[in-house]
N, C-alpha and C. Protein backbone atom coordinates (compact mmCIF):
# COMPACT_ATOMS: atom_id res chain seq x y z
N MET A 1 -9.40 53.46 22.55
CA MET A 1 -9.36 52.17 21.97
C MET A 1 -10.57 51.62 21.64
N THR A 2 -10.57 51.03 20.69
CA THR A 2 -11.81 50.25 20.38
C THR A 2 -11.76 48.94 20.65
N GLU A 3 -13.15 48.12 20.64
CA GLU A 3 -13.34 47.08 21.16
C GLU A 3 -12.69 45.81 20.87
N LYS A 4 -12.15 45.89 19.57
CA LYS A 4 -11.41 44.80 19.10
C LYS A 4 -9.69 44.99 20.16
N ASP A 5 -9.36 46.04 20.15
CA ASP A 5 -8.36 46.23 20.64
C ASP A 5 -8.57 46.00 21.77
N VAL A 6 -9.30 45.76 22.80
CA VAL A 6 -9.61 45.40 24.31
C VAL A 6 -9.89 44.03 24.08
N GLN A 7 -10.16 43.51 23.05
CA GLN A 7 -10.29 41.92 23.00
C GLN A 7 -8.99 41.60 22.83
N GLN A 8 -7.91 41.90 21.65
CA GLN A 8 -7.04 41.36 21.71
C GLN A 8 -6.15 41.49 22.84
N LEU A 9 -6.20 42.85 23.83
CA LEU A 9 -5.61 42.77 25.07
C LEU A 9 -5.62 41.68 25.83
N GLY A 10 -7.06 41.08 26.08
CA GLY A 10 -7.35 40.41 26.70
C GLY A 10 -6.90 39.00 26.24
N GLU A 11 -7.07 38.53 25.30
CA GLU A 11 -6.47 37.43 24.37
C GLU A 11 -4.86 37.47 24.72
N ALA A 12 -4.00 38.35 24.96
CA ALA A 12 -2.92 38.50 25.38
C ALA A 12 -2.49 38.24 26.44
N ILE A 13 -3.13 38.48 27.33
CA ILE A 13 -3.12 38.49 28.73
C ILE A 13 -3.75 37.14 29.02
N GLU A 14 -4.47 36.24 28.37
CA GLU A 14 -4.76 35.32 28.68
C GLU A 14 -3.81 34.15 28.22
N HIS A 15 -2.99 34.25 27.21
CA HIS A 15 -1.44 34.00 26.76
C HIS A 15 -0.24 33.86 27.73
N LEU A 16 -0.27 35.04 27.87
CA LEU A 16 0.50 35.21 29.05
C LEU A 16 0.26 34.57 30.51
N ASP A 17 -0.66 34.54 30.75
CA ASP A 17 -1.52 33.40 32.05
C ASP A 17 -0.87 32.34 32.01
N LYS A 18 -1.24 31.64 30.66
CA LYS A 18 -1.15 30.23 30.35
C LYS A 18 0.61 30.21 30.76
N ALA A 19 1.06 31.09 29.81
CA ALA A 19 2.83 30.87 29.63
C ALA A 19 3.23 30.84 31.06
N LYS A 20 2.81 31.60 32.05
CA LYS A 20 3.43 32.02 33.51
C LYS A 20 3.28 30.60 34.37
N THR A 21 2.05 30.14 34.01
CA THR A 21 1.64 28.79 34.38
C THR A 21 2.75 27.67 34.19
N ILE A 22 2.65 27.54 33.01
CA ILE A 22 4.11 26.52 32.20
C ILE A 22 5.24 26.91 32.81
N LEU A 23 5.38 28.17 33.11
CA LEU A 23 7.22 28.39 33.82
C LEU A 23 7.08 28.04 35.05
N LYS A 24 6.19 28.19 35.86
CA LYS A 24 6.21 27.72 37.21
C LYS A 24 6.26 26.44 37.30
N ARG A 25 5.38 25.70 36.58
CA ARG A 25 5.59 24.38 36.28
C ARG A 25 7.04 23.68 35.96
N VAL A 26 7.75 24.51 34.98
CA VAL A 26 9.26 24.31 34.70
C VAL A 26 9.99 24.44 36.02
N GLN A 27 9.65 25.26 36.41
CA GLN A 27 10.62 25.93 37.70
C GLN A 27 10.42 24.84 38.59
N ILE A 28 9.45 24.65 38.94
CA ILE A 28 8.89 23.54 40.09
C ILE A 28 10.13 22.25 39.43
N GLU A 29 9.70 21.77 38.16
CA GLU A 29 10.82 20.36 38.10
C GLU A 29 12.02 20.67 37.99
N ILE A 30 12.48 21.93 37.55
CA ILE A 30 14.07 22.34 37.98
C ILE A 30 14.49 22.13 39.01
N SER A 31 13.78 22.77 40.01
CA SER A 31 14.02 23.04 41.72
C SER A 31 14.22 21.82 42.25
N SER A 32 13.21 20.88 42.14
CA SER A 32 12.80 19.40 42.81
C SER A 32 14.29 18.45 42.06
N GLU A 33 14.33 18.76 40.87
CA GLU A 33 15.70 18.17 40.09
C GLU A 33 16.91 18.33 40.51
N LEU A 34 17.15 19.46 40.91
CA LEU A 34 18.57 20.13 41.69
C LEU A 34 18.77 19.86 42.93
N PHE A 35 17.62 19.69 43.54
CA PHE A 35 17.44 19.02 44.82
C PHE A 35 17.83 17.47 44.98
N ARG A 36 17.41 16.92 43.85
CA ARG A 36 17.60 15.61 43.88
C ARG A 36 19.00 15.35 43.69
N LEU A 37 19.67 15.83 42.76
CA LEU A 37 21.29 15.97 42.66
C LEU A 37 21.89 16.09 43.60
N GLU A 38 21.39 17.37 44.38
CA GLU A 38 22.15 17.63 45.51
C GLU A 38 22.33 16.31 46.87
N ASN A 39 21.38 15.73 46.75
CA ASN A 39 21.45 14.68 47.69
C ASN A 39 21.98 13.96 47.15
N LYS A 40 22.13 13.45 46.16
CA LYS A 40 22.95 12.43 45.47
C LYS A 40 24.32 12.71 45.73
N LYS A 41 24.85 14.14 45.67
CA LYS A 41 26.24 14.47 45.89
C LYS A 41 26.71 13.92 47.09
N GLU A 42 25.60 14.14 48.03
CA GLU A 42 25.79 13.99 49.60
C GLU A 42 26.00 12.71 50.32
N LYS A 43 25.20 11.83 49.66
CA LYS A 43 25.48 10.67 49.84
C LYS A 43 26.76 9.87 49.52
N ARG A 44 27.25 10.58 48.76
CA ARG A 44 28.92 9.61 48.08
C ARG A 44 29.95 9.82 49.20
């Protein structure tokens, strides 16, 4: 593996980490939205 390969791998891993962070945020938002909708249903 050349130094460039290693560098590209490092960059790819960084991008994946960022994507994972974004996905976690989205997942939390979806969960809280679903929770809110469930609560609305029960109040009726």
